[in-house]
Amino acid sequence: MKAILIHGGAGSFKSEEDYRNHRNGLREAIERGYTILLDKNSALEGVIGAIKLMEEDPTFNCGRGSVLTLKGNIEMDAAIMDSYLNAGVVTGIKDVLHPIEVARAVMRKINRVRLHFSLQTRNRR
């Protein structure tokens, strides 16, 4: 079974029209991502396709629709990780329509991220 999940961020809508536009954008992003997932058999490509559509849509708080900083600038963050624990992250990026593509480029350039978890217990007296 293949599936794709996305979220449209957190916030509120100023009007019923804003809500409908946001919902339609989510539907389009899911459809694009799922189509890519099926065509390329790649979850990573499907996710990136969905995110790129959202970055192009001013309805979402990413890419074109980013909220301005206090200084009136657009600064964006993006992160991506694959099933091999390769990860790419960018923060405060400017003047780019698709920050997710920059995060992917970072992921390709670095070695695998190794996650280490430890559970510490205390001796109770």
Protein backbone atom coordinates (compact mmCIF):
# COMPACT_ATOMS: atom_id res chain seq x y z
CA MET A 1 0.00 0.00 0.00
CA LYS A 2 1.30 3.43 -0.93
CA ALA A 3 0.13 6.66 0.64
CA ILE A 4 1.19 10.26 0.97
CA LEU A 5 0.39 12.55 3.88
CA ILE A 6 0.83 16.32 3.99
CA HIS A 7 -0.19 19.13 6.26
CA GLY A 8 -0.99 22.69 5.34
CA GLY A 9 0.51 24.37 8.36
CA ALA A 10 -1.13 25.95 11.35
CA GLY A 11 -3.08 29.15 11.46
CA SER A 12 -6.45 30.63 10.78
CA PHE A 13 -8.36 31.76 7.73
CA LYS A 14 -9.67 35.26 7.15
CA SER A 15 -12.56 34.12 5.02
CA GLU A 16 -14.41 31.13 3.67
CA GLU A 17 -12.66 31.74 0.33
CA ASP A 18 -9.22 31.52 2.00
CA TYR A 19 -10.27 28.21 3.52
CA ARG A 20 -11.47 26.84 0.16
CA ASN A 21 -8.27 27.95 -1.60
CA HIS A 22 -6.15 26.32 1.10
CA ARG A 23 -8.15 23.10 0.92
CA ASN A 24 -7.92 23.04 -2.90
CA GLY A 25 -4.16 23.58 -2.65
CA LEU A 26 -3.87 20.63 -0.27
CA ARG A 27 -5.86 18.46 -2.67
CA GLU A 28 -3.62 19.45 -5.59
CA ALA A 29 -0.45 18.82 -3.57
CA ILE A 30 -1.66 15.37 -2.52
CA GLU A 31 -2.61 14.51 -6.11
CA ARG A 32 0.75 15.67 -7.48
CA GLY A 33 2.73 13.88 -4.79
CA TYR A 34 0.76 10.65 -5.12
CA THR A 35 1.05 10.67 -8.92
CA ILE A 36 4.82 11.09 -8.66
CA LEU A 37 4.97 8.38 -5.99
CA LEU A 38 3.23 5.94 -8.33
CA ASP A 39 5.09 7.00 -11.49
CA LYS A 40 8.60 7.02 -10.02
CA ASN A 41 8.04 4.53 -7.19
CA SER A 42 9.82 7.01 -4.94
CA ALA A 43 8.40 8.41 -1.72
CA LEU A 44 11.12 11.07 -1.66
CA GLU A 45 10.23 12.33 -5.14
CA GLY A 46 6.52 12.28 -4.29
CA VAL A 47 7.03 14.33 -1.14
CA ILE A 48 9.26 16.84 -2.92
CA GLY A 49 6.69 17.19 -5.72
CA ALA A 50 3.92 17.90 -3.21
CA ILE A 51 6.05 20.41 -1.30
CA LYS A 52 7.12 22.22 -4.48
CA LEU A 53 3.48 22.74 -5.42
CA MET A 54 2.82 24.16 -1.94
CA GLU A 55 5.89 26.43 -2.24
CA GLU A 56 4.44 27.82 -5.49
CA ASP A 57 1.00 28.45 -3.96
CA PRO A 58 0.67 31.72 -1.98
CA THR A 59 -2.06 30.06 0.11
CA PHE A 60 0.62 28.25 2.15
CA ASN A 61 3.18 29.66 4.56
CA CYS A 62 6.13 28.41 2.54
CA GLY A 63 7.88 29.57 -0.61
CA ARG A 64 5.77 32.22 -2.32
CA GLY A 65 3.33 32.46 0.60
CA SER A 66 5.91 32.87 3.37
CA VAL A 67 5.17 35.22 6.23
CA LEU A 68 7.47 38.23 6.37
CA THR A 69 9.98 38.73 9.16
CA LEU A 70 9.79 41.83 11.37
CA LYS A 71 12.17 43.50 8.91
CA GLY A 72 9.84 42.70 6.01
CA ASN A 73 11.96 39.93 4.50
CA ILE A 74 11.14 36.38 3.54
CA GLU A 75 13.32 33.82 5.29
CA MET A 76 12.43 30.17 4.86
CA ASP A 77 13.40 26.83 6.33
CA ALA A 78 13.19 23.39 4.73
CA ALA A 79 14.18 19.89 5.77
CA ILE A 80 14.06 16.47 4.15
CA MET A 81 15.13 12.98 5.23
CA ASP A 82 15.05 9.69 3.37
CA SER A 83 14.65 6.13 4.60
CA TYR A 84 18.44 5.73 4.80
CA LEU A 85 18.63 8.60 7.35
CA ASN A 86 20.24 10.96 4.86
CA ALA A 87 19.03 14.44 5.73
CA GLY A 88 19.30 17.97 4.42
CA VAL A 89 18.27 21.15 6.18
CA VAL A 90 18.38 24.84 5.31
CA THR A 91 17.31 27.73 7.53
CA GLY A 92 16.84 31.42 6.91
CA ILE A 93 17.16 30.94 3.14
CA LYS A 94 16.16 33.85 0.89
CA ASP A 95 15.39 34.47 -2.77
CA VAL A 96 14.59 30.85 -3.63
CA LEU A 97 11.22 29.57 -4.82
CA HIS A 98 11.86 25.96 -3.80
CA PRO A 99 13.77 25.71 -0.51
CA ILE A 100 13.02 21.98 -0.46
CA GLU A 101 15.28 21.55 -3.51
CA VAL A 102 18.10 23.32 -1.67
CA ALA A 103 17.56 21.01 1.32
CA ARG A 104 17.72 18.03 -1.05
CA ALA A 105 21.00 19.34 -2.51
CA VAL A 106 22.41 19.60 1.03
CA MET A 107 21.26 16.04 1.72
CA ARG A 108 23.13 14.79 -1.36
CA LYS A 109 26.35 16.50 -0.28
CA ILE A 110 26.62 15.20 3.30
CA ASN A 111 27.16 11.77 4.78
CA ARG A 112 24.44 9.85 6.51
CA VAL A 113 23.10 11.33 9.70
CA ARG A 114 23.36 8.85 12.52
CA LEU A 115 20.75 9.12 15.20
CA HIS A 116 21.68 7.83 18.60
CA PHE A 117 19.18 7.36 21.36
CA SER A 118 20.01 6.41 24.89
CA LEU A 119 17.85 5.66 27.82
CA GLN A 120 19.33 6.57 31.15
CA THR A 121 17.98 5.09 34.32
CA ARG A 122 18.75 6.07 37.85
CA ASN A 123 19.29 3.74 40.72
CA ARG A 124 16.69 4.59 43.26
CA ARG A 125 17.69 4.32 46.86
